[in-house]
Amino acid sequence: MLVKSLEFKNDVGQKVKVIDIPVLEENSTYKFMIQVRLQNFINALYQVKKPKKCYSFKEYLKKVMKWPDYEALFKVGELKNNA
């Protein structure tokens, strides 16, 4: 699975980096859910008085998503020829 990262400055001017954001196909059933959760996560980061420099969106999803949905989203496909 492809992941991306996002870096922005908060209200105070500190750089905050969000890593492990999954890149989904347009027709994915999880695309809307991930977009909404990412927006909520970033809005919550703006509220933090002393933010850390780096956050993992994947760890956040592990806490807020139902486990079967989380596994389906981040499942690792079978590698062909042990590659």
N, C-alpha and C. Protein backbone atom coordinates (compact mmCIF):
# COMPACT_ATOMS: atom_id res chain seq x y z
N MET A 1 0.84 -1.18 0.00
CA MET A 1 0.00 0.00 0.00
C MET A 1 0.89 1.24 0.00
N LEU A 2 0.48 2.20 -0.77
CA LEU A 2 1.18 3.47 -0.80
C LEU A 2 0.70 4.36 0.33
N VAL A 3 1.61 5.05 0.94
CA VAL A 3 1.26 6.01 1.98
C VAL A 3 1.91 7.35 1.64
N LYS A 4 1.33 8.39 2.14
CA LYS A 4 1.89 9.73 1.92
C LYS A 4 2.01 10.43 3.26
N SER A 5 2.65 11.57 3.26
CA SER A 5 2.78 12.36 4.48
C SER A 5 2.33 13.78 4.18
N LEU A 6 2.02 14.49 5.24
CA LEU A 6 1.53 15.86 5.13
C LEU A 6 2.25 16.69 6.17
N GLU A 7 2.75 17.84 5.75
CA GLU A 7 3.45 18.73 6.68
C GLU A 7 2.81 20.11 6.59
N PHE A 8 2.52 20.70 7.75
CA PHE A 8 1.88 22.00 7.79
C PHE A 8 2.33 22.74 9.04
N LYS A 9 2.01 24.03 9.08
CA LYS A 9 2.30 24.84 10.27
C LYS A 9 0.99 25.09 11.00
N ASN A 10 1.03 24.97 12.33
CA ASN A 10 -0.17 25.21 13.12
C ASN A 10 -0.33 26.70 13.39
N ASP A 11 -1.27 27.05 14.25
CA ASP A 11 -1.54 28.46 14.53
C ASP A 11 -0.36 29.19 15.14
N VAL A 12 0.46 28.47 15.91
CA VAL A 12 1.61 29.06 16.58
C VAL A 12 2.81 29.18 15.64
N GLY A 13 2.76 28.46 14.52
CA GLY A 13 3.86 28.51 13.57
C GLY A 13 4.78 27.31 13.65
N GLN A 14 4.45 26.32 14.48
CA GLN A 14 5.28 25.13 14.57
C GLN A 14 4.95 24.18 13.42
N LYS A 15 5.99 23.53 12.89
CA LYS A 15 5.77 22.54 11.85
C LYS A 15 5.27 21.25 12.48
N VAL A 16 4.22 20.70 11.88
CA VAL A 16 3.65 19.44 12.33
C VAL A 16 3.60 18.53 11.12
N LYS A 17 4.06 17.29 11.29
CA LYS A 17 4.08 16.33 10.19
C LYS A 17 3.18 15.15 10.54
N VAL A 18 2.33 14.77 9.59
CA VAL A 18 1.46 13.61 9.73
C VAL A 18 1.93 12.60 8.71
N ILE A 19 2.31 11.40 9.18
CA ILE A 19 2.84 10.36 8.29
C ILE A 19 1.87 9.19 8.22
N ASP A 20 2.13 8.25 7.33
CA ASP A 20 1.36 7.01 7.17
C ASP A 20 -0.09 7.26 6.78
N ILE A 21 -0.32 8.20 5.86
CA ILE A 21 -1.66 8.44 5.34
C ILE A 21 -1.84 7.53 4.13
N PRO A 22 -2.81 6.60 4.17
CA PRO A 22 -2.95 5.68 3.04
C PRO A 22 -3.48 6.37 1.78
N VAL A 23 -2.94 5.96 0.64
CA VAL A 23 -3.40 6.46 -0.65
C VAL A 23 -4.34 5.39 -1.22
N LEU A 24 -5.59 5.77 -1.42
CA LEU A 24 -6.60 4.82 -1.87
C LEU A 24 -7.04 5.15 -3.30
N GLU A 25 -7.55 4.13 -3.98
CA GLU A 25 -8.08 4.33 -5.32
C GLU A 25 -9.41 5.08 -5.24
N GLU A 26 -9.80 5.69 -6.34
CA GLU A 26 -11.03 6.48 -6.37
C GLU A 26 -12.27 5.66 -6.04
N ASN A 27 -12.29 4.39 -6.43
CA ASN A 27 -13.47 3.56 -6.21
C ASN A 27 -13.40 2.76 -4.91
N SER A 28 -12.48 3.06 -4.04
CA SER A 28 -12.34 2.34 -2.78
C SER A 28 -13.50 2.66 -1.84
N THR A 29 -13.97 1.65 -1.13
CA THR A 29 -15.08 1.85 -0.20
C THR A 29 -14.64 2.63 1.04
N TYR A 30 -13.35 2.69 1.30
CA TYR A 30 -12.84 3.37 2.50
C TYR A 30 -12.40 4.80 2.24
N LYS A 31 -12.42 5.25 1.00
CA LYS A 31 -11.89 6.56 0.65
C LYS A 31 -12.58 7.70 1.42
N PHE A 32 -13.91 7.70 1.44
CA PHE A 32 -14.64 8.77 2.12
C PHE A 32 -14.36 8.73 3.63
N MET A 33 -14.36 7.53 4.21
CA MET A 33 -14.14 7.39 5.64
C MET A 33 -12.75 7.90 6.03
N ILE A 34 -11.75 7.59 5.22
CA ILE A 34 -10.38 8.04 5.51
C ILE A 34 -10.28 9.55 5.36
N GLN A 35 -10.93 10.12 4.36
CA GLN A 35 -10.89 11.58 4.17
C GLN A 35 -11.50 12.30 5.37
N VAL A 36 -12.62 11.80 5.85
CA VAL A 36 -13.29 12.44 6.98
C VAL A 36 -12.45 12.30 8.25
N ARG A 37 -11.90 11.11 8.47
CA ARG A 37 -11.08 10.90 9.67
C ARG A 37 -9.80 11.72 9.62
N LEU A 38 -9.20 11.87 8.44
CA LEU A 38 -8.00 12.71 8.31
C LEU A 38 -8.33 14.16 8.61
N GLN A 39 -9.46 14.63 8.12
CA GLN A 39 -9.87 16.01 8.39
C GLN A 39 -10.11 16.22 9.89
N ASN A 40 -10.76 15.27 10.54
CA ASN A 40 -10.99 15.36 11.99
C ASN A 40 -9.68 15.32 12.75
N PHE A 41 -8.76 14.48 12.31
CA PHE A 41 -7.45 14.35 12.97
C PHE A 41 -6.67 15.65 12.88
N ILE A 42 -6.64 16.25 11.71
CA ILE A 42 -5.90 17.51 11.53
C ILE A 42 -6.56 18.64 12.32
N ASN A 43 -7.88 18.68 12.35
CA ASN A 43 -8.57 19.68 13.16
C ASN A 43 -8.25 19.50 14.64
N ALA A 44 -8.15 18.27 15.10
CA ALA A 44 -7.79 18.01 16.49
C ALA A 44 -6.36 18.46 16.77
N LEU A 45 -5.47 18.31 15.79
CA LEU A 45 -4.07 18.74 15.98
C LEU A 45 -3.97 20.25 16.13
N TYR A 46 -4.86 20.99 15.48
CA TYR A 46 -4.86 22.44 15.62
C TYR A 46 -5.24 22.86 17.03
N GLN A 47 -6.01 22.03 17.73
CA GLN A 47 -6.46 22.35 19.09
C GLN A 47 -5.40 22.07 20.15
N VAL A 48 -4.40 21.23 19.83
CA VAL A 48 -3.38 20.85 20.80
C VAL A 48 -2.48 22.05 21.08
N LYS A 49 -2.27 22.32 22.37
CA LYS A 49 -1.45 23.49 22.75
C LYS A 49 0.02 23.29 22.45
N LYS A 50 0.56 22.12 22.80
CA LYS A 50 1.97 21.81 22.54
C LYS A 50 2.05 20.54 21.72
N PRO A 51 1.94 20.66 20.39
CA PRO A 51 1.94 19.45 19.56
C PRO A 51 3.32 18.83 19.43
N LYS A 52 3.32 17.53 19.17
CA LYS A 52 4.57 16.86 18.84
C LYS A 52 4.94 17.26 17.41
N LYS A 53 6.15 16.92 17.01
CA LYS A 53 6.58 17.28 15.66
C LYS A 53 6.04 16.32 14.61
N CYS A 54 5.76 15.07 15.01
CA CYS A 54 5.37 14.05 14.05
C CYS A 54 4.27 13.17 14.64
N TYR A 55 3.23 12.92 13.84
CA TYR A 55 2.13 12.06 14.24
C TYR A 55 1.94 10.98 13.17
N SER A 56 1.50 9.80 13.60
CA SER A 56 1.21 8.72 12.67
C SER A 56 -0.30 8.59 12.52
N PHE A 57 -0.78 8.80 11.30
CA PHE A 57 -2.20 8.67 11.04
C PHE A 57 -2.63 7.20 11.13
N LYS A 58 -1.72 6.31 10.80
CA LYS A 58 -2.02 4.87 10.89
C LYS A 58 -2.28 4.47 12.34
N GLU A 59 -1.51 4.99 13.28
CA GLU A 59 -1.73 4.70 14.70
C GLU A 59 -3.05 5.30 15.18
N TYR A 60 -3.38 6.47 14.68
CA TYR A 60 -4.66 7.09 15.03
C TYR A 60 -5.82 6.22 14.52
N LEU A 61 -5.70 5.74 13.28
CA LEU A 61 -6.76 4.89 12.74
C LEU A 61 -6.91 3.60 13.53
N LYS A 62 -5.80 3.08 14.04
CA LYS A 62 -5.85 1.86 14.83
C LYS A 62 -6.71 2.07 16.08
N LYS A 63 -6.70 3.27 16.61
CA LYS A 63 -7.48 3.57 17.82
C LYS A 63 -8.95 3.83 17.53
N VAL A 64 -9.27 4.45 16.40
CA VAL A 64 -10.63 4.90 16.17
C VAL A 64 -11.46 4.01 15.24
N MET A 65 -10.81 3.17 14.45
CA MET A 65 -11.56 2.31 13.53
C MET A 65 -11.87 0.97 14.17
N LYS A 66 -12.90 0.33 13.65
CA LYS A 66 -13.18 -1.03 14.05
C LYS A 66 -12.08 -1.92 13.48
N TRP A 67 -11.69 -2.92 14.23
CA TRP A 67 -10.53 -3.74 13.85
C TRP A 67 -10.70 -4.43 12.50
N PRO A 68 -11.85 -5.02 12.17
CA PRO A 68 -11.98 -5.66 10.84
C PRO A 68 -11.80 -4.66 9.70
N ASP A 69 -12.30 -3.44 9.87
CA ASP A 69 -12.12 -2.41 8.84
C ASP A 69 -10.65 -2.01 8.73
N TYR A 70 -9.99 -1.89 9.87
CA TYR A 70 -8.56 -1.52 9.88
C TYR A 70 -7.73 -2.58 9.17
N GLU A 71 -8.00 -3.85 9.47
CA GLU A 71 -7.27 -4.94 8.82
C GLU A 71 -7.52 -4.96 7.32
N ALA A 72 -8.77 -4.74 6.91
CA ALA A 72 -9.09 -4.74 5.49
C ALA A 72 -8.40 -3.59 4.77
N LEU A 73 -8.28 -2.46 5.44
CA LEU A 73 -7.65 -1.29 4.83
C LEU A 73 -6.15 -1.49 4.66
N PHE A 74 -5.49 -2.04 5.68
CA PHE A 74 -4.04 -2.16 5.66
C PHE A 74 -3.55 -3.57 5.40
N LYS A 75 -4.40 -4.42 4.86
CA LYS A 75 -3.97 -5.79 4.61
C LYS A 75 -2.82 -5.80 3.61
N VAL A 76 -1.88 -6.68 3.85
CA VAL A 76 -0.74 -6.82 2.97
C VAL A 76 -1.03 -7.98 2.04
N GLY A 77 -1.03 -7.70 0.77
CA GLY A 77 -1.33 -8.76 -0.21
C GLY A 77 -0.23 -9.80 -0.28
N GLU A 78 -0.58 -10.94 -0.79
CA GLU A 78 0.37 -12.02 -0.95
C GLU A 78 1.42 -11.61 -1.98
N LEU A 79 2.69 -11.73 -1.61
CA LEU A 79 3.76 -11.37 -2.53
C LEU A 79 3.97 -12.48 -3.54
N LYS A 80 4.17 -12.11 -4.77
CA LYS A 80 4.33 -13.07 -5.82
C LYS A 80 5.80 -13.51 -5.89
N ASN A 81 6.04 -14.82 -5.88
CA ASN A 81 7.38 -15.39 -5.98
C ASN A 81 8.30 -14.90 -4.86
N ASN A 82 7.73 -14.66 -3.66
CA ASN A 82 8.49 -14.22 -2.49
C ASN A 82 9.27 -12.94 -2.73
N ALA A 83 8.77 -12.08 -3.58
CA ALA A 83 9.47 -10.84 -3.89
C ALA A 83 9.13 -9.77 -2.89
